[in-house]
Protein backbone atom coordinates (compact mmCIF):
# COMPACT_ATOMS: atom_id res chain seq x y z
CA UNK A 1 5.59 55.01 19.96
CA UNK A 2 6.27 55.33 16.24
CA UNK A 3 3.32 57.59 15.46
CA UNK A 4 2.16 57.80 11.85
CA UNK A 5 1.46 61.36 10.74
CA UNK A 6 -1.82 62.40 9.11
CA UNK A 7 -0.47 61.75 5.62
CA UNK A 8 0.08 58.11 6.52
CA UNK A 9 -3.56 57.73 7.56
CA UNK A 10 -4.76 59.46 4.39
CA UNK A 11 -2.63 57.07 2.28
CA UNK A 12 -4.07 54.10 4.17
CA UNK A 13 -7.63 55.31 3.66
CA UNK A 14 -6.92 55.84 -0.04
CA UNK A 15 -5.45 52.34 -0.40
CA UNK A 16 -8.48 50.82 1.35
CA UNK A 17 -10.99 53.09 -0.44
CA UNK A 18 -12.52 54.17 2.86
CA UNK A 19 -13.30 57.39 4.70
CA UNK A 20 -12.16 58.42 8.19
CA UNK A 21 -15.40 57.17 9.78
CA UNK A 22 -14.79 53.75 8.22
CA UNK A 23 -11.17 53.71 9.41
CA UNK A 24 -12.24 54.39 12.98
CA UNK A 25 -14.70 51.48 12.82
CA UNK A 26 -12.17 48.95 11.52
CA UNK A 27 -12.03 45.97 13.90
CA UNK A 28 -8.27 45.68 13.29
CA UNK A 29 -7.48 49.35 14.04
CA UNK A 30 -6.39 48.60 17.61
CA UNK A 31 -3.85 46.01 16.44
CA UNK A 32 -2.63 48.36 13.69
CA UNK A 33 -2.00 51.06 16.28
CA UNK A 34 -0.38 48.63 18.73
CA UNK A 35 2.01 47.62 15.94
CA UNK A 36 3.53 51.11 16.29
CA UNK A 37 4.13 50.82 20.04
CA UNK A 38 7.23 49.37 21.67
CA UNK A 39 7.07 48.19 25.26
CA UNK A 40 10.02 50.35 26.29
CA UNK A 41 10.79 54.05 26.80
CA UNK A 42 13.31 54.48 23.96
CA UNK A 43 14.91 57.75 22.92
CA UNK A 44 16.57 57.81 19.49
CA UNK A 45 20.15 57.53 20.84
CA UNK A 46 19.16 54.23 22.51
CA UNK A 47 17.66 52.71 19.36
CA UNK A 48 19.86 50.15 17.67
CA UNK A 49 19.45 48.48 14.28
CA UNK A 50 17.36 45.47 15.25
CA UNK A 51 13.93 43.87 15.34
CA UNK A 52 11.79 45.20 18.18
CA UNK A 53 8.78 43.43 19.66
CA UNK A 54 5.64 45.55 19.39
CA UNK A 55 2.73 45.86 21.81
CA UNK A 56 0.50 43.77 19.54
CA UNK A 57 -1.06 40.78 21.25
CA UNK A 58 0.70 38.45 18.78
CA UNK A 59 4.09 40.09 19.54
CA UNK A 60 4.90 40.98 15.92
CA UNK A 61 8.19 42.73 15.40
CA UNK A 62 9.20 45.84 13.50
CA UNK A 63 12.68 46.29 12.08
CA UNK A 64 14.38 49.56 13.01
CA UNK A 65 17.44 50.66 11.03
CA UNK A 66 19.65 53.32 12.63
CA UNK A 67 22.78 52.96 10.47
CA UNK A 68 22.42 56.52 9.11
CA UNK A 69 21.15 58.09 12.34
CA UNK A 70 22.44 61.66 12.68
CA UNK A 71 22.92 61.35 16.45
CA UNK A 72 20.41 64.09 17.31
CA UNK A 73 19.19 64.11 20.89
CA UNK A 74 16.54 66.74 20.14
CA UNK A 75 13.57 66.59 17.74
CA UNK A 76 15.75 66.84 14.60
CA UNK A 77 16.19 63.07 14.27
CA UNK A 78 17.21 61.91 10.80
CA UNK A 79 18.46 58.67 9.30
CA UNK A 80 16.22 56.23 11.21
CA UNK A 81 13.66 54.14 9.39
CA UNK A 82 11.32 51.25 10.11
CA UNK A 83 10.47 48.28 7.93
CA UNK A 84 7.22 46.48 8.68
CA UNK A 85 6.29 42.86 8.01
CA UNK A 86 4.96 43.83 4.56
CA UNK A 87 8.41 45.32 3.77
CA UNK A 88 7.05 48.89 3.73
CA UNK A 89 9.55 51.48 4.90
CA UNK A 90 8.73 54.53 7.05
CA UNK A 91 11.23 57.25 7.89
CA UNK A 92 11.32 58.92 11.28
CA UNK A 93 10.45 62.55 10.47
CA UNK A 94 11.21 63.85 13.94
CA UNK A 95 11.64 62.14 17.26
CA UNK A 96 12.49 62.21 20.94
CA UNK A 97 9.18 63.84 21.85
CA UNK A 98 9.03 62.92 25.51
CA UNK A 99 5.59 62.49 27.01
CA UNK A 100 4.48 61.50 30.46
CA UNK A 101 3.95 57.87 29.44
CA UNK A 102 6.55 57.39 26.72
CA UNK A 103 8.50 58.74 23.77
CA UNK A 104 7.02 59.64 20.40
CA UNK A 105 8.88 59.32 17.11
CA UNK A 106 6.77 60.62 14.18
CA UNK A 107 6.90 58.55 10.99
């Protein structure tokens, strides 16, 4: 999971001129969230520069660039960024947060 931090949600709400209650009610919120989920358990050292299929029902891809990855195997991941289909870039702020059902990389 490439999990957006709170600032990302606040920016989105500002761009859409909506409040949190409105964001939660968006019909497309599920697909937006699924866009940030890969179907694999992937720690940062296993990520390669490539397009990855997301968990969206339409199988959209997200581009992950690891060319400047610092090689960290702990939370201090640096040098990885994502580019979405709108060409917006998000940096991984910290990663390799292992959970019971996957790995979280905060963007």
